[in-house]
Amino acid sequence: MLEDIHQQIISCTRCRRLRTYCARVAREKKAAHRDDVYWGKPVPGFGDPNARLLVLGLAPAAHGANRTGRVFTGDGSGDFLMRAMHSAGFANIATSRHAGDGLTLTDAFITAAVRCAPPGNKPTPVEIAACHAHLVAETGALPNIRAIVCLGRIGFDAAWRLLASRGIVVRPRPLFAHEAMYRTEGPTVIASYHPSRQNTNTGKLTPEMLASVFDLARREISWRRV
């Protein structure tokens, strides 16, 4: 079932602006990756189908997952994220360089609110909404999710839309803050700053801060029953 959903994601053509942009990036490439064959298509999630932890990010990077075909792979954000996940026991290695690098996830599944790399890393509200059905379908095939780590505000908002589609609505509306945690009738939602270059280079998000989020997630899934 999950494989069928991923094929539907890969073949999606709903957002013309995003498909045009991803195809152009894959054709023109980046000098550092001029010999690579870019993926250039929508990117499905990656990880353990029996995962209790869902990691929900923003979108593929133009020369990261749009190049490698695996979410949070091939750029600094992927390595930054994987160091934290490795330290918490969710990843077998602390880097995420390419689809054949041997990375495997245990008890975790990584996905994104938007599956195509957006120009300027900024999808429109219409594009986010168009992609939401993919998140609903993909997570519907992950029956054991007990917690969602949301990387950034867009991931955080997408998590609440996902829960609302399951009839889980929290009032008042939860506020986004790093390491904020909200328990619901379904999965617990944990917020984190996104491991973007802007956040990691400025120190807004440090390795210790992200490691703390995944330590919290590890403790949370160890006792939650959803």
C-alpha atoms as a PDB file:
ATOM      1  CA  MET A   1       0.000   0.000   0.000  1.00  0.00           C
ATOM      2  CA  LEU A   2       2.752   2.472   0.937  1.00  0.00           C
ATOM      3  CA  GLU A   3       4.599   1.713  -2.294  1.00  0.00           C
ATOM      4  CA  ASP A   4       1.465   2.474  -4.329  1.00  0.00           C
ATOM      5  CA  ILE A   5       1.015   5.774  -2.500  1.00  0.00           C
ATOM      6  CA  HIS A   6       4.633   6.693  -3.193  1.00  0.00           C
ATOM      7  CA  GLN A   7       4.171   6.014  -6.896  1.00  0.00           C
ATOM      8  CA  GLN A   8       1.180   8.366  -6.859  1.00  0.00           C
ATOM      9  CA  ILE A   9       3.289  11.042  -5.188  1.00  0.00           C
ATOM     10  CA  ILE A  10       6.148  10.642  -7.673  1.00  0.00           C
ATOM     11  CA  SER A  11       3.788  10.964 -10.651  1.00  0.00           C
ATOM     12  CA  CYS A  12       1.875  13.979  -9.269  1.00  0.00           C
ATOM     13  CA  THR A  13       1.492  16.980 -11.611  1.00  0.00           C
ATOM     14  CA  ARG A  14      -0.920  19.126  -9.582  1.00  0.00           C
ATOM     15  CA  CYS A  15       1.317  22.194  -9.205  1.00  0.00           C
ATOM     16  CA  ARG A  16       2.606  23.449 -12.553  1.00  0.00           C
ATOM     17  CA  ARG A  17       4.886  26.110 -11.042  1.00  0.00           C
ATOM     18  CA  LEU A  18       6.650  23.561  -8.847  1.00  0.00           C
ATOM     19  CA  ARG A  19       6.970  20.934 -11.550  1.00  0.00           C
ATOM     20  CA  THR A  20       8.388  23.507 -13.971  1.00  0.00           C
ATOM     21  CA  TYR A  21      10.882  24.731 -11.374  1.00  0.00           C
ATOM     22  CA  CYS A  22      12.048  21.233 -10.344  1.00  0.00           C
ATOM     23  CA  ALA A  23      12.516  20.187 -13.963  1.00  0.00           C
ATOM     24  CA  ARG A  24      14.536  23.320 -14.704  1.00  0.00           C
ATOM     25  CA  VAL A  25      16.776  22.809 -11.668  1.00  0.00           C
ATOM     26  CA  ALA A  26      17.310  19.168 -12.657  1.00  0.00           C
ATOM     27  CA  ARG A  27      18.258  20.248 -16.157  1.00  0.00           C
ATOM     28  CA  GLU A  28      20.501  23.197 -15.296  1.00  0.00           C
ATOM     29  CA  LYS A  29      21.961  21.630 -12.108  1.00  0.00           C
ATOM     30  CA  LYS A  30      24.421  23.194  -9.681  1.00  0.00           C
ATOM     31  CA  ALA A  31      28.103  23.406 -10.528  1.00  0.00           C
ATOM     32  CA  ALA A  32      29.041  21.189  -7.586  1.00  0.00           C
ATOM     33  CA  HIS A  33      26.665  18.493  -8.870  1.00  0.00           C
ATOM     34  CA  ARG A  34      27.044  18.920 -12.625  1.00  0.00           C
ATOM     35  CA  ASP A  35      27.835  15.212 -13.115  1.00  0.00           C
ATOM     36  CA  ASP A  36      24.828  14.020 -11.083  1.00  0.00           C
ATOM     37  CA  VAL A  37      21.582  12.794 -12.578  1.00  0.00           C
ATOM     38  CA  TYR A  38      18.935  14.779 -10.702  1.00  0.00           C
ATOM     39  CA  TRP A  39      15.747  13.142  -9.468  1.00  0.00           C
ATOM     40  CA  GLY A  40      13.651  16.141 -10.504  1.00  0.00           C
ATOM     41  CA  LYS A  41      10.291  14.668  -9.444  1.00  0.00           C
ATOM     42  CA  PRO A  42       8.049  14.856  -6.350  1.00  0.00           C
ATOM     43  CA  VAL A  43       9.718  13.174  -3.370  1.00  0.00           C
ATOM     44  CA  PRO A  44       7.926  10.558  -1.235  1.00  0.00           C
ATOM     45  CA  GLY A  45       8.611   9.923   2.433  1.00  0.00           C
ATOM     46  CA  PHE A  46      11.326   7.603   3.690  1.00  0.00           C
ATOM     47  CA  GLY A  47      11.776   5.327   6.668  1.00  0.00           C
ATOM     48  CA  ASP A  48      10.332   2.532   8.758  1.00  0.00           C
ATOM     49  CA  PRO A  49       6.742   1.539   7.797  1.00  0.00           C
ATOM     50  CA  ASN A  50       6.214   0.472  11.418  1.00  0.00           C
ATOM     51  CA  ALA A  51       7.483   3.771  12.789  1.00  0.00           C
ATOM     52  CA  ARG A  52       6.076   5.285  15.951  1.00  0.00           C
ATOM     53  CA  LEU A  53       7.686   8.654  15.146  1.00  0.00           C
ATOM     54  CA  LEU A  54       6.797  10.827  12.156  1.00  0.00           C
ATOM     55  CA  VAL A  55       9.219  13.623  11.236  1.00  0.00           C
ATOM     56  CA  LEU A  56       7.434  16.273   9.188  1.00  0.00           C
ATOM     57  CA  GLY A  57       9.426  18.909   7.325  1.00  0.00           C
ATOM     58  CA  LEU A  58       8.763  21.638   4.781  1.00  0.00           C
ATOM     59  CA  ALA A  59       9.741  20.515   1.275  1.00  0.00           C
ATOM     60  CA  PRO A  60      12.634  19.055  -0.732  1.00  0.00           C
ATOM     61  CA  ALA A  61      15.628  21.319  -1.291  1.00  0.00           C
ATOM     62  CA  ALA A  62      16.337  22.221  -4.913  1.00  0.00           C
ATOM     63  CA  HIS A  63      19.783  20.602  -4.873  1.00  0.00           C
ATOM     64  CA  GLY A  64      19.087  18.262  -1.952  1.00  0.00           C
ATOM     65  CA  ALA A  65      16.162  15.854  -2.220  1.00  0.00           C
ATOM     66  CA  ASN A  66      15.231  17.205  -5.652  1.00  0.00           C
ATOM     67  CA  ARG A  67      18.653  15.903  -6.689  1.00  0.00           C
ATOM     68  CA  THR A  68      18.891  12.694  -4.654  1.00  0.00           C
ATOM     69  CA  GLY A  69      15.242  11.576  -4.615  1.00  0.00           C
ATOM     70  CA  ARG A  70      15.211  10.977  -0.856  1.00  0.00           C
ATOM     71  CA  VAL A  71      13.772  13.464   1.602  1.00  0.00           C
ATOM     72  CA  PHE A  72      16.321  15.382   3.725  1.00  0.00           C
ATOM     73  CA  THR A  73      19.238  13.995   1.743  1.00  0.00           C
ATOM     74  CA  GLY A  74      22.154  15.605  -0.039  1.00  0.00           C
ATOM     75  CA  ASP A  75      22.536  18.915   1.775  1.00  0.00           C
ATOM     76  CA  GLY A  76      23.535  20.327   5.139  1.00  0.00           C
ATOM     77  CA  SER A  77      20.014  20.123   6.543  1.00  0.00           C
ATOM     78  CA  GLY A  78      19.954  16.373   6.003  1.00  0.00           C
ATOM     79  CA  ASP A  79      23.229  15.846   7.843  1.00  0.00           C
ATOM     80  CA  PHE A  80      22.169  18.178  10.656  1.00  0.00           C
ATOM     81  CA  LEU A  81      18.904  16.290  11.084  1.00  0.00           C
ATOM     82  CA  MET A  82      20.491  12.867  10.874  1.00  0.00           C
ATOM     83  CA  ARG A  83      23.043  13.638  13.593  1.00  0.00           C
ATOM     84  CA  ALA A  84      20.189  14.281  15.992  1.00  0.00           C
ATOM     85  CA  MET A  85      18.214  11.244  14.876  1.00  0.00           C
ATOM     86  CA  HIS A  86      21.301   9.037  15.109  1.00  0.00           C
ATOM     87  CA  SER A  87      22.026  10.227  18.634  1.00  0.00           C
ATOM     88  CA  ALA A  88      18.475   9.279  19.659  1.00  0.00           C
ATOM     89  CA  GLY A  89      18.703   5.848  18.032  1.00  0.00           C
ATOM     90  CA  PHE A  90      16.404   6.504  15.072  1.00  0.00           C
ATOM     91  CA  ALA A  91      19.103   6.387  12.346  1.00  0.00           C
ATOM     92  CA  ASN A  92      21.959   3.946  11.837  1.00  0.00           C
ATOM     93  CA  ILE A  93      24.384   6.626  10.584  1.00  0.00           C
ATOM     94  CA  ALA A  94      24.787  10.336  11.286  1.00  0.00           C
ATOM     95  CA  THR A  95      24.795  11.562   7.666  1.00  0.00           C
ATOM     96  CA  SER A  96      22.332  11.637   4.758  1.00  0.00           C
ATOM     97  CA  ARG A  97      24.293  12.078   1.536  1.00  0.00           C
ATOM     98  CA  HIS A  98      22.642  10.053  -1.255  1.00  0.00           C
ATOM     99  CA  ALA A  99      19.997   7.385  -1.770  1.00  0.00           C
ATOM    100  CA  GLY A 100      22.546   4.557  -1.748  1.00  0.00           C
ATOM    101  CA  ASP A 101      24.511   5.627   1.326  1.00  0.00           C
ATOM    102  CA  GLY A 102      23.211   2.820   3.559  1.00  0.00           C
ATOM    103  CA  LEU A 103      21.070   5.041   5.771  1.00  0.00           C
ATOM    104  CA  THR A 104      18.182   3.219   7.414  1.00  0.00           C
ATOM    105  CA  LEU A 105      15.686   4.517   9.939  1.00  0.00           C
ATOM    106  CA  THR A 106      14.304   2.506  12.830  1.00  0.00           C
ATOM    107  CA  ASP A 107      10.982   3.486  14.413  1.00  0.00           C
ATOM    108  CA  ALA A 108      10.937   6.751  12.428  1.00  0.00           C
ATOM    109  CA  PHE A 109       9.571   7.938   9.093  1.00  0.00           C
ATOM    110  CA  ILE A 110      10.504  11.261   7.478  1.00  0.00           C
ATOM    111  CA  THR A 111       8.184  13.152   5.156  1.00  0.00           C
ATOM    112  CA  ALA A 112       7.282  16.704   4.119  1.00  0.00           C
ATOM    113  CA  ALA A 113       4.285  18.983   3.800  1.00  0.00           C
ATOM    114  CA  VAL A 114       5.194  19.728   0.164  1.00  0.00           C
ATOM    115  CA  ARG A 115       6.794  17.132  -2.136  1.00  0.00           C
ATOM    116  CA  CYS A 116       8.357  19.367  -4.795  1.00  0.00           C
ATOM    117  CA  ALA A 117      11.162  21.860  -4.244  1.00  0.00           C
ATOM    118  CA  PRO A 118       9.608  25.352  -4.262  1.00  0.00           C
ATOM    119  CA  PRO A 119      11.397  28.446  -5.611  1.00  0.00           C
ATOM    120  CA  GLY A 120      13.032  30.308  -2.749  1.00  0.00           C
ATOM    121  CA  ASN A 121      11.960  27.469  -0.458  1.00  0.00           C
ATOM    122  CA  LYS A 122       8.562  29.164  -0.257  1.00  0.00           C
ATOM    123  CA  PRO A 123       5.531  27.175  -1.442  1.00  0.00           C
ATOM    124  CA  THR A 124       2.272  29.078  -1.830  1.00  0.00           C
ATOM    125  CA  PRO A 125      -0.750  28.306   0.372  1.00  0.00           C
ATOM    126  CA  VAL A 126      -2.466  26.807  -2.681  1.00  0.00           C
ATOM    127  CA  GLU A 127       0.504  24.492  -3.304  1.00  0.00           C
ATOM    128  CA  ILE A 128       0.618  23.424   0.340  1.00  0.00           C
ATOM    129  CA  ALA A 129      -3.096  22.642   0.227  1.00  0.00           C
ATOM    130  CA  ALA A 130      -2.755  20.709  -3.045  1.00  0.00           C
ATOM    131  CA  CYS A 131      -0.084  18.485  -1.512  1.00  0.00           C
ATOM    132  CA  HIS A 132      -1.939  17.746   1.717  1.00  0.00           C
ATOM    133  CA  ALA A 133      -3.750  14.732   0.278  1.00  0.00           C
ATOM    134  CA  HIS A 134      -0.383  13.035  -0.165  1.00  0.00           C
ATOM    135  CA  LEU A 135       0.414  13.511   3.524  1.00  0.00           C
ATOM    136  CA  VAL A 136      -2.980  12.128   4.531  1.00  0.00           C
ATOM    137  CA  ALA A 137      -2.552   9.088   2.293  1.00  0.00           C
ATOM    138  CA  GLU A 138       1.035   8.398   3.305  1.00  0.00           C
ATOM    139  CA  THR A 139       0.444   8.654   7.038  1.00  0.00           C
ATOM    140  CA  GLY A 140      -2.700   6.570   6.648  1.00  0.00           C
ATOM    141  CA  ALA A 141      -0.362   3.726   5.694  1.00  0.00           C
ATOM    142  CA  LEU A 142       1.699   4.228   8.872  1.00  0.00           C
ATOM    143  CA  PRO A 143      -0.525   2.669  11.564  1.00  0.00           C
ATOM    144  CA  ASN A 144       1.747   3.030  14.590  1.00  0.00           C
ATOM    145  CA  ILE A 145       2.530   6.762  14.715  1.00  0.00           C
ATOM    146  CA  ARG A 146       2.494   8.055  18.299  1.00  0.00           C
ATOM    147  CA  ALA A 147       4.323  11.372  17.910  1.00  0.00           C
ATOM    148  CA  ILE A 148       5.057  13.911  15.184  1.00  0.00           C
ATOM    149  CA  VAL A 149       8.197  16.052  15.249  1.00  0.00           C
ATOM    150  CA  CYS A 150       7.390  19.132  13.159  1.00  0.00           C
ATOM    151  CA  LEU A 151      10.384  20.861  11.600  1.00  0.00           C
ATOM    152  CA  GLY A 152       9.372  24.478  11.144  1.00  0.00           C
ATOM    153  CA  ARG A 153       6.085  26.336  11.133  1.00  0.00           C
ATOM    154  CA  ILE A 154       4.814  24.915   7.836  1.00  0.00           C
ATOM    155  CA  GLY A 155       5.364  21.365   9.090  1.00  0.00           C
ATOM    156  CA  PHE A 156       3.692  22.306  12.373  1.00  0.00           C
ATOM    157  CA  ASP A 157       0.612  23.687  10.618  1.00  0.00           C
ATOM    158  CA  ALA A 158       0.486  20.645   8.323  1.00  0.00           C
ATOM    159  CA  ALA A 159       0.461  18.342  11.354  1.00  0.00           C
ATOM    160  CA  TRP A 160      -2.621  20.051  12.773  1.00  0.00           C
ATOM    161  CA  ARG A 161      -4.404  19.849   9.406  1.00  0.00           C
ATOM    162  CA  LEU A 162      -3.528  16.166   9.321  1.00  0.00           C
ATOM    163  CA  LEU A 163      -4.994  15.600  12.782  1.00  0.00           C
ATOM    164  CA  ALA A 164      -8.072  17.649  11.863  1.00  0.00           C
ATOM    165  CA  SER A 165      -8.653  15.296   8.926  1.00  0.00           C
ATOM    166  CA  ARG A 166      -8.902  12.550  11.560  1.00  0.00           C
ATOM    167  CA  GLY A 167     -11.359  14.524  13.658  1.00  0.00           C
ATOM    168  CA  ILE A 168      -8.758  15.708  16.191  1.00  0.00           C
ATOM    169  CA  VAL A 169      -9.062  19.459  16.764  1.00  0.00           C
ATOM    170  CA  VAL A 170      -7.302  21.298  19.590  1.00  0.00           C
ATOM    171  CA  ARG A 171      -8.593  24.616  20.942  1.00  0.00           C
ATOM    172  CA  PRO A 172      -7.223  27.167  21.444  1.00  0.00           C
ATOM    173  CA  ARG A 173      -4.974  26.839  18.431  1.00  0.00           C
ATOM    174  CA  PRO A 174      -1.546  25.570  19.545  1.00  0.00           C
ATOM    175  CA  LEU A 175       1.319  28.042  19.288  1.00  0.00           C
ATOM    176  CA  PHE A 176       4.542  27.203  17.492  1.00  0.00           C
ATOM    177  CA  ALA A 177       7.654  27.337  19.687  1.00  0.00           C
ATOM    178  CA  HIS A 178      10.796  25.264  19.695  1.00  0.00           C
ATOM    179  CA  GLU A 179      10.344  22.103  21.796  1.00  0.00           C
ATOM    180  CA  ALA A 180       6.690  22.894  22.501  1.00  0.00           C
ATOM    181  CA  MET A 181       4.767  19.644  22.982  1.00  0.00           C
ATOM    182  CA  TYR A 182       1.032  19.065  22.654  1.00  0.00           C
ATOM    183  CA  ARG A 183      -0.619  15.778  23.572  1.00  0.00           C
ATOM    184  CA  THR A 184      -3.816  14.950  21.695  1.00  0.00           C
ATOM    185  CA  GLU A 185      -6.289  12.108  21.395  1.00  0.00           C
ATOM    186  CA  GLY A 186      -3.981  10.858  18.643  1.00  0.00           C
ATOM    187  CA  PRO A 187      -0.259  11.476  18.185  1.00  0.00           C
ATOM    188  CA  THR A 188       1.648  13.957  20.319  1.00  0.00           C
ATOM    189  CA  VAL A 189       2.849  16.991  18.342  1.00  0.00           C
ATOM    190  CA  ILE A 190       6.360  18.299  19.085  1.00  0.00           C
ATOM    191  CA  ALA A 191       7.594  21.508  17.451  1.00  0.00           C
ATOM    192  CA  SER A 192      11.146  22.294  16.391  1.00  0.00           C
ATOM    193  CA  TYR A 193      12.888  24.977  14.422  1.00  0.00           C
ATOM    194  CA  HIS A 194      13.669  23.751  10.921  1.00  0.00           C
ATOM    195  CA  PRO A 195      17.298  22.661  10.332  1.00  0.00           C
ATOM    196  CA  SER A 196      17.654  25.114   7.454  1.00  0.00           C
ATOM    197  CA  ARG A 197      20.981  26.753   6.720  1.00  0.00           C
ATOM    198  CA  GLN A 198      19.582  30.079   7.927  1.00  0.00           C
ATOM    199  CA  ASN A 199      18.714  28.622  11.336  1.00  0.00           C
ATOM    200  CA  THR A 200      21.792  26.448  11.819  1.00  0.00           C
ATOM    201  CA  ASN A 201      24.345  28.999  10.577  1.00  0.00           C
ATOM    202  CA  THR A 202      22.974  31.723  12.837  1.00  0.00           C
ATOM    203  CA  GLY A 203      22.754  29.490  15.909  1.00  0.00           C
ATOM    204  CA  LYS A 204      18.988  29.788  16.148  1.00  0.00           C
ATOM    205  CA  LEU A 205      19.005  25.989  16.044  1.00  0.00           C
ATOM    206  CA  THR A 206      22.033  24.233  17.530  1.00  0.00           C
ATOM    207  CA  PRO A 207      22.865  20.513  17.386  1.00  0.00           C
ATOM    208  CA  GLU A 208      22.099  20.283  21.093  1.00  0.00           C
ATOM    209  CA  MET A 209      18.673  21.882  20.636  1.00  0.00           C
ATOM    210  CA  LEU A 210      17.660  19.449  17.898  1.00  0.00           C
ATOM    211  CA  ALA A 211      19.063  16.473  19.813  1.00  0.00           C
ATOM    212  CA  SER A 212      16.913  17.506  22.769  1.00  0.00           C
ATOM    213  CA  VAL A 213      13.804  17.423  20.563  1.00  0.00           C
ATOM    214  CA  PHE A 214      14.499  13.861  19.468  1.00  0.00           C
ATOM    215  CA  ASP A 215      15.314  12.767  23.001  1.00  0.00           C
ATOM    216  CA  LEU A 216      11.914  14.155  23.994  1.00  0.00           C
ATOM    217  CA  ALA A 217      10.282  12.308  21.092  1.00  0.00           C
ATOM    218  CA  ARG A 218      11.982   9.063  22.112  1.00  0.00           C
ATOM    219  CA  ARG A 219      10.616   9.357  25.637  1.00  0.00           C
ATOM    220  CA  GLU A 220       7.166  10.266  24.366  1.00  0.00           C
ATOM    221  CA  ILE A 221       6.723   7.324  22.004  1.00  0.00           C
ATOM    222  CA  SER A 222       7.962   4.904  24.648  1.00  0.00           C
ATOM    223  CA  TRP A 223       4.749   5.236  26.670  1.00  0.00           C
ATOM    224  CA  ARG A 224       2.114   6.639  24.288  1.00  0.00           C
ATOM    225  CA  ARG A 225      -0.637   4.329  23.075  1.00  0.00           C
ATOM    226  CA  VAL A 226      -2.615   5.678  20.119  1.00  0.00           C
END
